[in-house]
């Protein structure tokens, strides 16, 4: 590297450091001003709560990466976003208090959901790229449990279930939902 090239690199690094120092001085001045306001205003107690309708998490470039907010319908939600600003994970409470966890693919489409329903039962569903349900694991109110498989149109085509007494059953269904075959112990 020539002397001129080396000087250009050093000058660039110096400008970057000067910029960082200016930002640090600005932050220090803002914090000092805030501290001064608190002291002059008589605030001697630490802040014990912070109230807002939305908390935003942004990266160093100012891009939204997370958001905790009360939505327009009054329900709370938390969303985490990828580098491109696409929703990838969301946590929410429905207006009836039922919690849910939603997983989204790189295109932002819902691909998996875990929920506790208002009746206390829980389930996990897997969706295709069009948002059509393809498989689920569900718990019934009567302590039953089942695994369900759906065709590309979202129609139930197969199920394995365990009845309240623990006996298993398997069912195969046609495209209208009618039973084709049913297998259970005798």
Protein backbone atom coordinates (compact mmCIF):
# COMPACT_ATOMS: atom_id res chain seq x y z
CA UNK A 1 0.00 0.00 0.00
CA UNK A 2 1.36 3.40 -0.87
CA UNK A 3 1.77 6.18 1.67
CA UNK A 4 -1.15 8.08 0.08
CA UNK A 5 -3.41 5.03 0.30
CA UNK A 6 -2.46 4.48 3.93
CA UNK A 7 -3.16 8.15 4.72
CA UNK A 8 -6.60 7.84 3.07
CA UNK A 9 -7.40 4.82 5.26
CA UNK A 10 -6.24 6.65 8.40
CA UNK A 11 -8.31 9.74 7.47
CA UNK A 12 -11.40 7.58 6.95
CA UNK A 13 -10.93 5.92 10.32
CA UNK A 14 -10.40 9.29 11.98
CA UNK A 15 -13.68 10.62 10.52
CA UNK A 16 -15.52 7.51 11.77
CA UNK A 17 -14.09 7.96 15.28
CA UNK A 18 -14.95 11.68 15.29
CA UNK A 19 -18.53 10.84 14.32
CA UNK A 20 -18.81 8.29 17.15
CA UNK A 21 -17.35 10.79 19.62
CA UNK A 22 -19.93 13.43 18.57
CA UNK A 23 -22.78 10.94 19.12
CA UNK A 24 -21.36 9.94 22.52
CA UNK A 25 -21.08 13.60 23.56
CA UNK A 26 -24.69 14.21 22.46
CA UNK A 27 -25.93 11.21 24.41
CA UNK A 28 -23.97 12.28 27.50
CA UNK A 29 -25.42 15.80 27.24
CA UNK A 30 -28.97 14.44 26.91
CA UNK A 31 -28.53 12.12 29.90
CA UNK A 32 -26.97 14.94 31.92
CA UNK A 33 -29.89 17.21 31.05
CA UNK A 34 -32.39 14.56 32.06
CA UNK A 35 -30.56 14.00 35.34
CA UNK A 36 -30.55 17.76 35.95
CA UNK A 37 -34.29 17.98 35.35
CA UNK A 38 -34.90 15.12 37.77
CA UNK A 39 -32.69 16.65 40.47
CA UNK A 40 -34.06 20.18 40.06
CA UNK A 41 -37.59 18.84 39.89
CA UNK A 42 -37.09 17.06 43.22
CA UNK A 43 -37.27 13.53 41.81
CA UNK A 44 -35.39 11.47 44.37
CA UNK A 45 -37.17 8.15 43.88
CA UNK A 46 -36.28 5.76 41.05
CA UNK A 47 -38.81 5.24 38.28
CA UNK A 48 -40.85 2.17 39.22
CA UNK A 49 -43.08 1.96 36.17
CA UNK A 50 -43.15 3.08 32.60
CA UNK A 51 -46.47 3.36 30.82
CA UNK A 52 -46.97 3.30 27.06
CA UNK A 53 -49.26 1.82 24.43
CA UNK A 54 -46.31 0.73 22.32
CA UNK A 55 -42.67 -0.14 22.84
CA UNK A 56 -40.58 -0.39 19.70
CA UNK A 57 -37.25 -2.20 19.36
CA UNK A 58 -35.12 -0.87 16.51
CA UNK A 59 -31.69 -1.90 15.27
CA UNK A 60 -28.76 0.50 14.79
CA UNK A 61 -30.16 1.50 11.37
CA UNK A 62 -33.56 2.41 12.81
CA UNK A 63 -35.31 -0.68 11.40
CA UNK A 64 -38.13 -2.15 13.45
CA UNK A 65 -37.07 -5.50 14.96
CA UNK A 66 -39.66 -5.89 17.71
CA UNK A 67 -42.82 -4.29 18.97
CA UNK A 68 -44.85 -4.73 22.15
CA UNK A 69 -48.15 -2.93 21.76
CA UNK A 70 -51.82 -2.74 22.57
CA UNK A 71 -53.55 -3.25 19.23
CA UNK A 72 -56.55 -1.19 18.03
CA UNK A 73 -58.94 -3.91 19.29
CA UNK A 74 -57.47 -3.51 22.81
CA UNK A 75 -55.56 -6.79 22.89
CA UNK A 76 -51.81 -6.93 23.63
CA UNK A 77 -49.29 -8.40 21.23
CA UNK A 78 -45.57 -8.85 20.76
CA UNK A 79 -44.04 -9.13 17.30
CA UNK A 80 -40.45 -9.91 16.34
CA UNK A 81 -39.27 -8.97 12.86
CA UNK A 82 -36.37 -10.11 10.65
CA UNK A 83 -33.74 -7.87 9.00
CA UNK A 84 -36.15 -7.15 6.15
CA UNK A 85 -38.91 -6.00 8.49
CA UNK A 86 -41.05 -9.14 8.03
CA UNK A 87 -42.96 -10.54 10.99
CA UNK A 88 -41.43 -13.90 12.01
CA UNK A 89 -42.77 -14.54 15.53
CA UNK A 90 -45.78 -13.12 17.32
CA UNK A 91 -47.28 -13.63 20.75
CA UNK A 92 -50.75 -12.42 21.51
CA UNK A 93 -53.79 -12.60 23.74
CA UNK A 94 -57.22 -12.74 22.12
CA UNK A 95 -59.98 -10.51 23.46
CA UNK A 96 -61.22 -13.51 25.48
CA UNK A 97 -57.75 -13.91 27.09
CA UNK A 98 -56.69 -16.97 25.07
CA UNK A 99 -52.91 -16.90 24.41
CA UNK A 100 -51.30 -17.74 21.09
CA UNK A 101 -47.84 -18.12 19.56
CA UNK A 102 -47.53 -17.71 15.79
CA UNK A 103 -44.57 -18.65 13.57
CA UNK A 104 -44.17 -16.96 10.19
CA UNK A 105 -41.94 -17.88 7.25
CA UNK A 106 -39.54 -15.53 5.43
CA UNK A 107 -42.46 -14.28 3.31
CA UNK A 108 -44.42 -13.37 6.42
CA UNK A 109 -46.98 -16.17 5.97
CA UNK A 110 -48.30 -17.98 9.04
CA UNK A 111 -46.73 -21.48 9.11
CA UNK A 112 -47.35 -22.66 12.69
CA UNK A 113 -49.60 -21.71 15.57
CA UNK A 114 -49.78 -22.83 19.19
CA UNK A 115 -52.84 -21.79 21.16
CA UNK A 116 -54.75 -22.35 24.35
CA UNK A 117 -58.44 -21.98 23.50
CA UNK A 118 -61.02 -20.24 25.73
CA UNK A 119 -62.27 -23.66 26.90
CA UNK A 120 -58.77 -24.51 28.19
CA UNK A 121 -57.86 -26.99 25.47
CA UNK A 122 -54.66 -26.54 23.52
CA UNK A 123 -53.52 -27.22 19.98
CA UNK A 124 -50.70 -26.81 17.52
CA UNK A 125 -51.32 -26.37 13.80
CA UNK A 126 -49.03 -26.40 10.77
CA UNK A 127 -49.98 -24.40 7.67
CA UNK A 128 -48.73 -24.50 4.07
CA UNK A 129 -47.42 -21.45 2.18
CA UNK A 130 -51.02 -20.48 1.28
CA UNK A 131 -52.12 -20.47 4.93
CA UNK A 132 -54.10 -23.72 4.58
CA UNK A 133 -53.97 -26.04 7.60
CA UNK A 134 -52.08 -29.29 6.83
CA UNK A 135 -51.63 -30.93 10.25
CA UNK A 136 -52.64 -30.39 13.86
CA UNK A 137 -52.24 -31.85 17.31
CA UNK A 138 -55.21 -31.13 19.54
CA UNK A 139 -56.48 -31.78 23.05
CA UNK A 140 -60.21 -32.17 23.69
CA UNK A 141 -62.20 -30.99 26.70
CA UNK A 142 -62.77 -34.65 27.64
CA UNK A 143 -59.02 -35.44 27.92
CA UNK A 144 -58.88 -36.84 24.41
CA UNK A 145 -55.90 -36.13 22.21
CA UNK A 146 -55.51 -36.38 18.47
CA UNK A 147 -53.26 -35.91 15.49
CA UNK A 148 -55.00 -34.72 12.34
CA UNK A 149 -53.76 -34.59 8.74
CA UNK A 150 -55.41 -32.41 6.09
CA UNK A 151 -55.29 -32.39 2.27
CA UNK A 152 -54.10 -29.36 0.22
CA UNK A 153 -57.63 -27.90 0.46
CA UNK A 154 -57.64 -28.05 4.27
CA UNK A 155 -60.05 -30.99 4.40
CA UNK A 156 -59.45 -33.54 7.20
CA UNK A 157 -58.23 -36.79 5.61
CA UNK A 158 -56.73 -38.77 8.48
CA UNK A 159 -56.76 -38.81 12.27
CA UNK A 160 -55.27 -40.72 15.16
CA UNK A 161 -57.13 -40.15 18.39
CA UNK A 162 -57.09 -41.37 21.96
CA UNK A 163 -60.43 -41.53 23.69
CA UNK A 164 -60.93 -40.52 27.36
CA UNK A 165 -60.38 -44.12 28.46
CA UNK A 166 -57.08 -44.23 26.54
CA UNK A 167 -58.17 -46.48 23.68
CA UNK A 168 -56.75 -45.50 20.30
CA UNK A 169 -58.66 -45.01 17.06
CA UNK A 170 -57.59 -44.27 13.50
CA UNK A 171 -59.83 -42.75 10.86
CA UNK A 172 -59.46 -42.08 7.14
CA UNK A 173 -61.82 -39.63 5.44
CA UNK A 174 -62.78 -38.70 1.86
CA UNK A 175 -62.66 -35.16 0.48
CA UNK A 176 -66.15 -34.42 1.87
CA UNK A 177 -65.23 -35.52 5.40
CA UNK A 178 -67.11 -38.82 5.22
CA UNK A 179 -65.43 -41.82 6.93
CA UNK A 180 -63.70 -44.17 4.49
CA UNK A 181 -62.16 -46.46 7.10
CA UNK A 182 -62.12 -46.55 10.86
CA UNK A 183 -59.83 -48.73 12.94
CA UNK A 184 -60.11 -49.26 16.66
CA UNK A 185 -59.25 -52.09 19.05
CA UNK A 186 -61.91 -54.69 19.72
